[in-house]
Every structure is written in structure tokens, then in C-alpha cells.
Amino acid sequence: MLIKDSILLIISSLILIICVLV
């Protein structure tokens, strides 16, 4: 569960960065 949560966190932060760049 912890690994899944961290992966979700990383993915969401990546999406956020992409949105900011675009």
C-alpha cells in the first residue's frame, strides 16, 4: 500500500509539473 501511495504521489506531482509547463 505504501508503495502504491508513493507512486500515486509521484504521478500526481508529475501531472502537476506538466500542467504548469503547458
Protein backbone atom coordinates (compact mmCIF):
# COMPACT_ATOMS: atom_id res chain seq x y z
CA MET A 1 0.00 0.00 0.00
CA LEU A 2 2.82 2.41 0.86
CA ILE A 3 4.48 1.81 -2.49
CA LYS A 4 1.19 2.38 -4.31
CA ASP A 5 0.64 5.63 -2.40
CA SER A 6 4.11 6.90 -3.22
CA ILE A 7 3.65 6.02 -6.90
CA LEU A 8 0.35 7.89 -6.96
CA LEU A 9 2.02 10.86 -5.30
CA ILE A 10 4.84 10.89 -7.87
CA ILE A 11 2.40 10.59 -10.78
CA SER A 12 0.21 13.40 -9.47
CA SER A 13 3.21 15.66 -8.94
CA LEU A 14 4.42 14.88 -12.47
CA ILE A 15 0.99 15.78 -13.87
CA LEU A 16 1.06 18.99 -11.86
CA ILE A 17 4.50 19.92 -13.26
CA ILE A 18 3.36 19.14 -16.82
CA CYS A 19 0.26 21.30 -16.36
CA VAL A 20 2.41 24.18 -15.11
CA LEU A 21 4.83 23.83 -18.03
CA VAL A 22 1.97 23.70 -20.55
